[in-house]
Amino acid sequence: MPETVSDMLYLTSGEKPSKKEDRYLIKILANGFTYRETQEAKNLKLHELAEIYHQDPAYIGAQIRLTFLAPDIIEAILRGAQPKTPFRANESPCSHDV
């Protein structure tokens, strides 16, 4: 298991982190994997996990949900290739003006 965000970036992409990656987003994603791994290893409920990390269960749950993103999306985040402005599932990044 990588010990730092930089280790996680290097192991995943095989290259040094770029200057444009979103460190905050990467940190949240790394936390999500840590929380998920702890939860699965100790067979904890979300509220028990939240007590261990002194966080709100909803906050931890949101970070854990990020770990279920498609691998190519996670890799794009680690490379810094994610879109600058996210869009919701019911919104489209394309224009429908015809």
PDB file of N, CA and C in Angstrom:
ATOM      1  N   MET A   1       0.839  -1.181   0.000  1.00  0.00           N
ATOM      2  CA  MET A   1       0.000   0.000   0.000  1.00  0.00           C
ATOM      3  C   MET A   1       0.885   1.246   0.000  1.00  0.00           C
ATOM      4  N   PRO A   2       0.647   2.187  -0.920  1.00  0.00           N
ATOM      5  CA  PRO A   2       1.436   3.410  -0.941  1.00  0.00           C
ATOM      6  C   PRO A   2       1.237   4.208   0.342  1.00  0.00           C
ATOM      7  N   GLU A   3       2.303   4.863   0.795  1.00  0.00           N
ATOM      8  CA  GLU A   3       2.233   5.605   2.048  1.00  0.00           C
ATOM      9  C   GLU A   3       1.873   7.067   1.853  1.00  0.00           C
ATOM     10  N   THR A   4       2.150   7.616   0.693  1.00  0.00           N
ATOM     11  CA  THR A   4       1.842   9.019   0.435  1.00  0.00           C
ATOM     12  C   THR A   4       1.070   9.153  -0.867  1.00  0.00           C
ATOM     13  N   VAL A   5       0.493  10.329  -1.071  1.00  0.00           N
ATOM     14  CA  VAL A   5      -0.214  10.597  -2.320  1.00  0.00           C
ATOM     15  C   VAL A   5       0.739  10.489  -3.499  1.00  0.00           C
ATOM     16  N   SER A   6       1.966  10.986  -3.342  1.00  0.00           N
ATOM     17  CA  SER A   6       2.949  10.896  -4.422  1.00  0.00           C
ATOM     18  C   SER A   6       3.267   9.449  -4.774  1.00  0.00           C
ATOM     19  N   ASP A   7       3.355   8.585  -3.750  1.00  0.00           N
ATOM     20  CA  ASP A   7       3.580   7.160  -4.002  1.00  0.00           C
ATOM     21  C   ASP A   7       2.414   6.576  -4.786  1.00  0.00           C
ATOM     22  N   MET A   8       1.201   6.955  -4.410  1.00  0.00           N
ATOM     23  CA  MET A   8       0.004   6.457  -5.093  1.00  0.00           C
ATOM     24  C   MET A   8       0.014   6.892  -6.558  1.00  0.00           C
ATOM     25  N   LEU A   9       0.394   8.138  -6.804  1.00  0.00           N
ATOM     26  CA  LEU A   9       0.470   8.636  -8.183  1.00  0.00           C
ATOM     27  C   LEU A   9       1.499   7.860  -8.984  1.00  0.00           C
ATOM     28  N   TYR A  10       2.669   7.659  -8.400  1.00  0.00           N
ATOM     29  CA  TYR A  10       3.738   6.987  -9.110  1.00  0.00           C
ATOM     30  C   TYR A  10       3.393   5.532  -9.405  1.00  0.00           C
ATOM     31  N   LEU A  11       2.821   4.830  -8.434  1.00  0.00           N
ATOM     32  CA  LEU A  11       2.482   3.424  -8.629  1.00  0.00           C
ATOM     33  C   LEU A  11       1.368   3.245  -9.651  1.00  0.00           C
ATOM     34  N   THR A  12       0.437   4.170  -9.689  1.00  0.00           N
ATOM     35  CA  THR A  12      -0.698   4.032 -10.600  1.00  0.00           C
ATOM     36  C   THR A  12      -0.327   4.388 -12.027  1.00  0.00           C
ATOM     37  N   SER A  13       0.338   5.511 -12.198  1.00  0.00           N
ATOM     38  CA  SER A  13       0.589   5.986 -13.553  1.00  0.00           C
ATOM     39  C   SER A  13       1.973   5.617 -14.076  1.00  0.00           C
ATOM     40  N   GLY A  14       2.898   5.279 -13.172  1.00  0.00           N
ATOM     41  CA  GLY A  14       4.250   4.966 -13.604  1.00  0.00           C
ATOM     42  C   GLY A  14       5.055   6.200 -13.944  1.00  0.00           C
ATOM     43  N   GLU A  15       4.496   7.375 -13.676  1.00  0.00           N
ATOM     44  CA  GLU A  15       5.211   8.613 -13.960  1.00  0.00           C
ATOM     45  C   GLU A  15       5.093   9.555 -12.776  1.00  0.00           C
ATOM     46  N   LYS A  16       6.008  10.491 -12.699  1.00  0.00           N
ATOM     47  CA  LYS A  16       5.976  11.463 -11.611  1.00  0.00           C
ATOM     48  C   LYS A  16       4.733  12.337 -11.764  1.00  0.00           C
ATOM     49  N   PRO A  17       4.198  12.826 -10.641  1.00  0.00           N
ATOM     50  CA  PRO A  17       3.007  13.675 -10.710  1.00  0.00           C
ATOM     51  C   PRO A  17       3.237  14.922 -11.560  1.00  0.00           C
ATOM     52  N   SER A  18       2.203  15.322 -12.292  1.00  0.00           N
ATOM     53  CA  SER A  18       2.294  16.544 -13.077  1.00  0.00           C
ATOM     54  C   SER A  18       2.012  17.734 -12.169  1.00  0.00           C
ATOM     55  N   LYS A  19       2.233  18.920 -12.676  1.00  0.00           N
ATOM     56  CA  LYS A  19       1.999  20.115 -11.873  1.00  0.00           C
ATOM     57  C   LYS A  19       0.525  20.500 -11.853  1.00  0.00           C
ATOM     58  N   LYS A  20      -0.280  19.907 -12.717  1.00  0.00           N
ATOM     59  CA  LYS A  20      -1.671  20.333 -12.812  1.00  0.00           C
ATOM     60  C   LYS A  20      -2.654  19.425 -12.081  1.00  0.00           C
ATOM     61  N   GLU A  21      -2.172  18.388 -11.395  1.00  0.00           N
ATOM     62  CA  GLU A  21      -3.112  17.512 -10.703  1.00  0.00           C
ATOM     63  C   GLU A  21      -3.776  18.248  -9.550  1.00  0.00           C
ATOM     64  N   ASP A  22      -4.973  17.830  -9.232  1.00  0.00           N
ATOM     65  CA  ASP A  22      -5.753  18.423  -8.150  1.00  0.00           C
ATOM     66  C   ASP A  22      -5.413  17.673  -6.867  1.00  0.00           C
ATOM     67  N   ARG A  23      -4.489  18.209  -6.110  1.00  0.00           N
ATOM     68  CA  ARG A  23      -4.014  17.538  -4.894  1.00  0.00           C
ATOM     69  C   ARG A  23      -5.142  17.271  -3.905  1.00  0.00           C
ATOM     70  N   TYR A  24      -6.088  18.203  -3.800  1.00  0.00           N
ATOM     71  CA  TYR A  24      -7.216  18.035  -2.881  1.00  0.00           C
ATOM     72  C   TYR A  24      -8.064  16.834  -3.292  1.00  0.00           C
ATOM     73  N   LEU A  25      -8.369  16.735  -4.571  1.00  0.00           N
ATOM     74  CA  LEU A  25      -9.163  15.615  -5.069  1.00  0.00           C
ATOM     75  C   LEU A  25      -8.423  14.293  -4.891  1.00  0.00           C
ATOM     76  N   ILE A  26      -7.142  14.299  -5.128  1.00  0.00           N
ATOM     77  CA  ILE A  26      -6.333  13.085  -4.958  1.00  0.00           C
ATOM     78  C   ILE A  26      -6.301  12.671  -3.488  1.00  0.00           C
ATOM     79  N   LYS A  27      -6.174  13.646  -2.603  1.00  0.00           N
ATOM     80  CA  LYS A  27      -6.155  13.349  -1.169  1.00  0.00           C
ATOM     81  C   LYS A  27      -7.487  12.734  -0.733  1.00  0.00           C
ATOM     82  N   ILE A  28      -8.605  13.283  -1.217  1.00  0.00           N
ATOM     83  CA  ILE A  28      -9.923  12.739  -0.883  1.00  0.00           C
ATOM     84  C   ILE A  28     -10.043  11.303  -1.405  1.00  0.00           C
ATOM     85  N   LEU A  29      -9.572  11.070  -2.609  1.00  0.00           N
ATOM     86  CA  LEU A  29      -9.620   9.735  -3.196  1.00  0.00           C
ATOM     87  C   LEU A  29      -8.753   8.763  -2.384  1.00  0.00           C
ATOM     88  N   ALA A  30      -7.562   9.199  -2.002  1.00  0.00           N
ATOM     89  CA  ALA A  30      -6.676   8.351  -1.184  1.00  0.00           C
ATOM     90  C   ALA A  30      -7.323   8.052   0.171  1.00  0.00           C
ATOM     91  N   ASN A  31      -7.942   9.069   0.777  1.00  0.00           N
ATOM     92  CA  ASN A  31      -8.654   8.847   2.041  1.00  0.00           C
ATOM     93  C   ASN A  31      -9.765   7.828   1.862  1.00  0.00           C
ATOM     94  N   GLY A  32     -10.488   7.942   0.763  1.00  0.00           N
ATOM     95  CA  GLY A  32     -11.578   7.010   0.492  1.00  0.00           C
ATOM     96  C   GLY A  32     -11.092   5.567   0.443  1.00  0.00           C
ATOM     97  N   PHE A  33      -9.952   5.351  -0.213  1.00  0.00           N
ATOM     98  CA  PHE A  33      -9.395   3.998  -0.267  1.00  0.00           C
ATOM     99  C   PHE A  33      -8.945   3.526   1.112  1.00  0.00           C
ATOM    100  N   THR A  34      -8.399   4.439   1.905  1.00  0.00           N
ATOM    101  CA  THR A  34      -7.992   4.089   3.269  1.00  0.00           C
ATOM    102  C   THR A  34      -9.210   3.709   4.097  1.00  0.00           C
ATOM    103  N   TYR A  35     -10.249   4.525   4.037  1.00  0.00           N
ATOM    104  CA  TYR A  35     -11.470   4.243   4.796  1.00  0.00           C
ATOM    105  C   TYR A  35     -12.106   2.926   4.355  1.00  0.00           C
ATOM    106  N   ARG A  36     -12.161   2.721   3.057  1.00  0.00           N
ATOM    107  CA  ARG A  36     -12.774   1.494   2.526  1.00  0.00           C
ATOM    108  C   ARG A  36     -11.996   0.256   2.963  1.00  0.00           C
ATOM    109  N   GLU A  37     -10.665   0.356   2.879  1.00  0.00           N
ATOM    110  CA  GLU A  37      -9.812  -0.774   3.265  1.00  0.00           C
ATOM    111  C   GLU A  37      -9.985  -1.094   4.752  1.00  0.00           C
ATOM    112  N   THR A  38     -10.021  -0.058   5.587  1.00  0.00           N
ATOM    113  CA  THR A  38     -10.216  -0.252   7.023  1.00  0.00           C
ATOM    114  C   THR A  38     -11.583  -0.867   7.300  1.00  0.00           C
ATOM    115  N   GLN A  39     -12.596  -0.345   6.635  1.00  0.00           N
ATOM    116  CA  GLN A  39     -13.956  -0.842   6.838  1.00  0.00           C
ATOM    117  C   GLN A  39     -14.069  -2.315   6.462  1.00  0.00           C
ATOM    118  N   GLU A  40     -13.487  -2.688   5.329  1.00  0.00           N
ATOM    119  CA  GLU A  40     -13.566  -4.070   4.877  1.00  0.00           C
ATOM    120  C   GLU A  40     -12.721  -5.000   5.752  1.00  0.00           C
ATOM    121  N   ALA A  41     -11.544  -4.539   6.157  1.00  0.00           N
ATOM    122  CA  ALA A  41     -10.651  -5.382   6.956  1.00  0.00           C
ATOM    123  C   ALA A  41     -11.217  -5.673   8.337  1.00  0.00           C
ATOM    124  N   LYS A  42     -11.887  -4.672   8.916  1.00  0.00           N
ATOM    125  CA  LYS A  42     -12.406  -4.827  10.271  1.00  0.00           C
ATOM    126  C   LYS A  42     -13.908  -5.068  10.313  1.00  0.00           C
ATOM    127  N   ASN A  43     -14.525  -5.176   9.125  1.00  0.00           N
ATOM    128  CA  ASN A  43     -15.959  -5.429   9.015  1.00  0.00           C
ATOM    129  C   ASN A  43     -16.771  -4.432   9.861  1.00  0.00           C
ATOM    130  N   LEU A  44     -16.505  -3.139   9.626  1.00  0.00           N
ATOM    131  CA  LEU A  44     -17.138  -2.082  10.402  1.00  0.00           C
ATOM    132  C   LEU A  44     -18.330  -1.483   9.677  1.00  0.00           C
ATOM    133  N   LYS A  45     -19.275  -0.987  10.434  1.00  0.00           N
ATOM    134  CA  LYS A  45     -20.367  -0.201   9.870  1.00  0.00           C
ATOM    135  C   LYS A  45     -19.842   1.219   9.701  1.00  0.00           C
ATOM    136  N   LEU A  46     -20.516   1.988   8.863  1.00  0.00           N
ATOM    137  CA  LEU A  46     -20.048   3.330   8.552  1.00  0.00           C
ATOM    138  C   LEU A  46     -19.923   4.208   9.804  1.00  0.00           C
ATOM    139  N   HIS A  47     -20.878   4.138  10.696  1.00  0.00           N
ATOM    140  CA  HIS A  47     -20.810   4.980  11.898  1.00  0.00           C
ATOM    141  C   HIS A  47     -19.653   4.559  12.806  1.00  0.00           C
ATOM    142  N   GLU A  48     -19.298   3.281  12.813  1.00  0.00           N
ATOM    143  CA  GLU A  48     -18.149   2.822  13.604  1.00  0.00           C
ATOM    144  C   GLU A  48     -16.840   3.342  12.996  1.00  0.00           C
ATOM    145  N   LEU A  49     -16.779   3.305  11.678  1.00  0.00           N
ATOM    146  CA  LEU A  49     -15.609   3.813  10.976  1.00  0.00           C
ATOM    147  C   LEU A  49     -15.453   5.317  11.229  1.00  0.00           C
ATOM    148  N   ALA A  50     -16.553   6.032  11.210  1.00  0.00           N
ATOM    149  CA  ALA A  50     -16.533   7.472  11.451  1.00  0.00           C
ATOM    150  C   ALA A  50     -16.034   7.795  12.855  1.00  0.00           C
ATOM    151  N   GLU A  51     -16.390   6.973  13.830  1.00  0.00           N
ATOM    152  CA  GLU A  51     -15.913   7.180  15.198  1.00  0.00           C
ATOM    153  C   GLU A  51     -14.396   6.997  15.281  1.00  0.00           C
ATOM    154  N   ILE A  52     -13.874   6.023  14.578  1.00  0.00           N
ATOM    155  CA  ILE A  52     -12.425   5.775  14.586  1.00  0.00           C
ATOM    156  C   ILE A  52     -11.671   6.980  14.029  1.00  0.00           C
ATOM    157  N   TYR A  53     -12.175   7.532  12.921  1.00  0.00           N
ATOM    158  CA  TYR A  53     -11.481   8.638  12.254  1.00  0.00           C
ATOM    159  C   TYR A  53     -11.966  10.017  12.701  1.00  0.00           C
ATOM    160  N   HIS A  54     -12.899  10.046  13.643  1.00  0.00           N
ATOM    161  CA  HIS A  54     -13.440  11.312  14.167  1.00  0.00           C
ATOM    162  C   HIS A  54     -13.972  12.197  13.044  1.00  0.00           C
ATOM    163  N   GLN A  55     -14.758  11.587  12.164  1.00  0.00           N
ATOM    164  CA  GLN A  55     -15.360  12.290  11.037  1.00  0.00           C
ATOM    165  C   GLN A  55     -16.857  12.003  11.012  1.00  0.00           C
ATOM    166  N   ASP A  56     -17.579  12.801  10.252  1.00  0.00           N
ATOM    167  CA  ASP A  56     -19.001  12.580  10.058  1.00  0.00           C
ATOM    168  C   ASP A  56     -19.195  11.365   9.141  1.00  0.00           C
ATOM    169  N   PRO A  57     -20.147  10.478   9.462  1.00  0.00           N
ATOM    170  CA  PRO A  57     -20.362   9.302   8.606  1.00  0.00           C
ATOM    171  C   PRO A  57     -20.675   9.657   7.152  1.00  0.00           C
ATOM    172  N   ALA A  58     -21.423  10.737   6.929  1.00  0.00           N
ATOM    173  CA  ALA A  58     -21.747  11.135   5.550  1.00  0.00           C
ATOM    174  C   ALA A  58     -20.499  11.557   4.783  1.00  0.00           C
ATOM    175  N   TYR A  59     -19.593  12.230   5.470  1.00  0.00           N
ATOM    176  CA  TYR A  59     -18.335  12.670   4.856  1.00  0.00           C
ATOM    177  C   TYR A  59     -17.483  11.471   4.455  1.00  0.00           C
ATOM    178  N   ILE A  60     -17.366  10.516   5.347  1.00  0.00           N
ATOM    179  CA  ILE A  60     -16.593   9.311   5.044  1.00  0.00           C
ATOM    180  C   ILE A  60     -17.276   8.501   3.941  1.00  0.00           C
ATOM    181  N   GLY A  61     -18.591   8.394   4.002  1.00  0.00           N
ATOM    182  CA  GLY A  61     -19.322   7.656   2.969  1.00  0.00           C
ATOM    183  C   GLY A  61     -19.120   8.246   1.590  1.00  0.00           C
ATOM    184  N   ALA A  62     -19.116   9.569   1.503  1.00  0.00           N
ATOM    185  CA  ALA A  62     -18.904  10.231   0.211  1.00  0.00           C
ATOM    186  C   ALA A  62     -17.513   9.921  -0.337  1.00  0.00           C
ATOM    187  N   GLN A  63     -16.526   9.891   0.546  1.00  0.00           N
ATOM    188  CA  GLN A  63     -15.169   9.590   0.092  1.00  0.00           C
ATOM    189  C   GLN A  63     -15.037   8.126  -0.322  1.00  0.00           C
ATOM    190  N   ILE A  64     -15.691   7.240   0.393  1.00  0.00           N
ATOM    191  CA  ILE A  64     -15.662   5.818   0.022  1.00  0.00           C
ATOM    192  C   ILE A  64     -16.318   5.623  -1.345  1.00  0.00           C
ATOM    193  N   ARG A  65     -17.413   6.329  -1.604  1.00  0.00           N
ATOM    194  CA  ARG A  65     -18.097   6.186  -2.904  1.00  0.00           C
ATOM    195  C   ARG A  65     -17.188   6.548  -4.071  1.00  0.00           C
ATOM    196  N   LEU A  66     -16.264   7.477  -3.865  1.00  0.00           N
ATOM    197  CA  LEU A  66     -15.333   7.833  -4.935  1.00  0.00           C
ATOM    198  C   LEU A  66     -14.458   6.659  -5.359  1.00  0.00           C
ATOM    199  N   THR A  67     -14.231   5.715  -4.458  1.00  0.00           N
ATOM    200  CA  THR A  67     -13.373   4.573  -4.784  1.00  0.00           C
ATOM    201  C   THR A  67     -14.034   3.621  -5.774  1.00  0.00           C
ATOM    202  N   PHE A  68     -15.323   3.790  -6.002  1.00  0.00           N
ATOM    203  CA  PHE A  68     -16.040   2.934  -6.941  1.00  0.00           C
ATOM    204  C   PHE A  68     -16.135   3.557  -8.335  1.00  0.00           C
ATOM    205  N   LEU A  69     -15.442   4.667  -8.553  1.00  0.00           N
ATOM    206  CA  LEU A  69     -15.388   5.242  -9.892  1.00  0.00           C
ATOM    207  C   LEU A  69     -14.676   4.260 -10.823  1.00  0.00           C
ATOM    208  N   ALA A  70     -14.946   4.369 -12.094  1.00  0.00           N
ATOM    209  CA  ALA A  70     -14.287   3.508 -13.079  1.00  0.00           C
ATOM    210  C   ALA A  70     -12.772   3.730 -13.015  1.00  0.00           C
ATOM    211  N   PRO A  71     -11.990   2.670 -13.212  1.00  0.00           N
ATOM    212  CA  PRO A  71     -10.534   2.802 -13.129  1.00  0.00           C
ATOM    213  C   PRO A  71      -9.958   3.884 -14.042  1.00  0.00           C
ATOM    214  N   ASP A  72     -10.524   4.054 -15.233  1.00  0.00           N
ATOM    215  CA  ASP A  72      -9.989   5.078 -16.131  1.00  0.00           C
ATOM    216  C   ASP A  72     -10.248   6.485 -15.594  1.00  0.00           C
ATOM    217  N   ILE A  73     -11.337   6.670 -14.859  1.00  0.00           N
ATOM    218  CA  ILE A  73     -11.612   7.977 -14.250  1.00  0.00           C
ATOM    219  C   ILE A  73     -10.634   8.228 -13.109  1.00  0.00           C
ATOM    220  N   ILE A  74     -10.382   7.209 -12.302  1.00  0.00           N
ATOM    221  CA  ILE A  74      -9.418   7.353 -11.205  1.00  0.00           C
ATOM    222  C   ILE A  74      -8.031   7.668 -11.757  1.00  0.00           C
ATOM    223  N   GLU A  75      -7.633   6.989 -12.818  1.00  0.00           N
ATOM    224  CA  GLU A  75      -6.328   7.254 -13.427  1.00  0.00           C
ATOM    225  C   GLU A  75      -6.253   8.668 -13.976  1.00  0.00           C
ATOM    226  N   ALA A  76      -7.349   9.144 -14.572  1.00  0.00           N
ATOM    227  CA  ALA A  76      -7.375  10.515 -15.092  1.00  0.00           C
ATOM    228  C   ALA A  76      -7.212  11.518 -13.951  1.00  0.00           C
ATOM    229  N   ILE A  77      -7.857  11.262 -12.821  1.00  0.00           N
ATOM    230  CA  ILE A  77      -7.714  12.144 -11.659  1.00  0.00           C
ATOM    231  C   ILE A  77      -6.262  12.150 -11.189  1.00  0.00           C
ATOM    232  N   LEU A  78      -5.646  10.996 -11.118  1.00  0.00           N
ATOM    233  CA  LEU A  78      -4.260  10.911 -10.658  1.00  0.00           C
ATOM    234  C   LEU A  78      -3.286  11.583 -11.619  1.00  0.00           C
ATOM    235  N   ARG A  79      -3.609  11.572 -12.915  1.00  0.00           N
ATOM    236  CA  ARG A  79      -2.773  12.240 -13.915  1.00  0.00           C
ATOM    237  C   ARG A  79      -3.049  13.734 -13.995  1.00  0.00           C
ATOM    238  N   GLY A  80      -4.148  14.179 -13.383  1.00  0.00           N
ATOM    239  CA  GLY A  80      -4.531  15.583 -13.484  1.00  0.00           C
ATOM    240  C   GLY A  80      -5.307  15.867 -14.750  1.00  0.00           C
ATOM    241  N   ALA A  81      -5.895  14.837 -15.345  1.00  0.00           N
ATOM    242  CA  ALA A  81      -6.608  14.994 -16.615  1.00  0.00           C
ATOM    243  C   ALA A  81      -8.121  15.056 -16.436  1.00  0.00           C
ATOM    244  N   GLN A  82      -8.599  15.226 -15.206  1.00  0.00           N
ATOM    245  CA  GLN A  82     -10.038  15.320 -14.986  1.00  0.00           C
ATOM    246  C   GLN A  82     -10.530  16.690 -15.449  1.00  0.00           C
ATOM    247  N   PRO A  83     -11.827  16.805 -15.778  1.00  0.00           N
ATOM    248  CA  PRO A  83     -12.346  18.106 -16.200  1.00  0.00           C
ATOM    249  C   PRO A  83     -12.231  19.123 -15.066  1.00  0.00           C
ATOM    250  N   LYS A  84     -12.027  20.378 -15.417  1.00  0.00           N
ATOM    251  CA  LYS A  84     -11.911  21.413 -14.385  1.00  0.00           C
ATOM    252  C   LYS A  84     -13.247  21.682 -13.713  1.00  0.00           C
ATOM    253  N   THR A  85     -14.330  21.577 -14.470  1.00  0.00           N
ATOM    254  CA  THR A  85     -15.656  21.777 -13.887  1.00  0.00           C
ATOM    255  C   THR A  85     -16.459  20.504 -14.062  1.00  0.00           C
ATOM    256  N   PRO A  86     -16.812  19.865 -12.957  1.00  0.00           N
ATOM    257  CA  PRO A  86     -17.588  18.628 -13.048  1.00  0.00           C
ATOM    258  C   PRO A  86     -19.016  18.907 -13.503  1.00  0.00           C
ATOM    259  N   PHE A  87     -19.660  17.896 -14.046  1.00  0.00           N
ATOM    260  CA  PHE A  87     -21.062  18.025 -14.419  1.00  0.00           C
ATOM    261  C   PHE A  87     -21.820  16.848 -13.843  1.00  0.00           C
ATOM    262  N   ARG A  88     -23.092  17.045 -13.610  1.00  0.00           N
ATOM    263  CA  ARG A  88     -23.934  16.000 -13.043  1.00  0.00           C
ATOM    264  C   ARG A  88     -24.389  15.051 -14.143  1.00  0.00           C
ATOM    265  N   ALA A  89     -24.893  13.896 -13.740  1.00  0.00           N
ATOM    266  CA  ALA A  89     -25.321  12.877 -14.707  1.00  0.00           C
ATOM    267  C   ALA A  89     -26.412  13.398 -15.630  1.00  0.00           C
ATOM    268  N   ASN A  90     -27.278  14.286 -15.137  1.00  0.00           N
ATOM    269  CA  ASN A  90     -28.363  14.784 -15.975  1.00  0.00           C
ATOM    270  C   ASN A  90     -27.945  15.995 -16.805  1.00  0.00           C
ATOM    271  N   GLU A  91     -26.698  16.430 -16.672  1.00  0.00           N
ATOM    272  CA  GLU A  91     -26.176  17.516 -17.473  1.00  0.00           C
ATOM    273  C   GLU A  91     -25.200  16.939 -18.487  1.00  0.00           C
ATOM    274  N   SER A  92     -24.993  17.662 -19.546  1.00  0.00           N
ATOM    275  CA  SER A  92     -24.074  17.190 -20.569  1.00  0.00           C
ATOM    276  C   SER A  92     -22.989  18.231 -20.791  1.00  0.00           C
ATOM    277  N   PRO A  93     -21.759  17.794 -21.004  1.00  0.00           N
ATOM    278  CA  PRO A  93     -20.703  18.761 -21.318  1.00  0.00           C
ATOM    279  C   PRO A  93     -20.821  19.266 -22.748  1.00  0.00           C
ATOM    280  N   CYS A  94     -21.737  18.675 -23.532  1.00  0.00           N
ATOM    281  CA  CYS A  94     -21.929  19.064 -24.923  1.00  0.00           C
ATOM    282  C   CYS A  94     -23.066  20.065 -25.047  1.00  0.00           C
ATOM    283  N   SER A  95     -23.014  20.851 -26.055  1.00  0.00           N
ATOM    284  CA  SER A  95     -24.095  21.803 -26.309  1.00  0.00           C
ATOM    285  C   SER A  95     -25.158  21.123 -27.161  1.00  0.00           C
ATOM    286  N   HIS A  96     -26.412  21.317 -26.782  1.00  0.00           N
ATOM    287  CA  HIS A  96     -27.520  20.724 -27.547  1.00  0.00           C
ATOM    288  C   HIS A  96     -28.214  21.760 -28.410  1.00  0.00           C
ATOM    289  N   ASP A  97     -27.577  22.936 -28.546  1.00  0.00           N
ATOM    290  CA  ASP A  97     -28.154  23.965 -29.406  1.00  0.00           C
ATOM    291  C   ASP A  97     -27.986  23.545 -30.848  1.00  0.00           C
ATOM    292  N   VAL A  98     -29.075  23.441 -31.553  1.00  0.00           N
ATOM    293  CA  VAL A  98     -29.003  23.012 -32.954  1.00  0.00           C
ATOM    294  C   VAL A  98     -29.548  24.105 -33.832  1.00  0.00           C
TER     295      VAL A  98
END
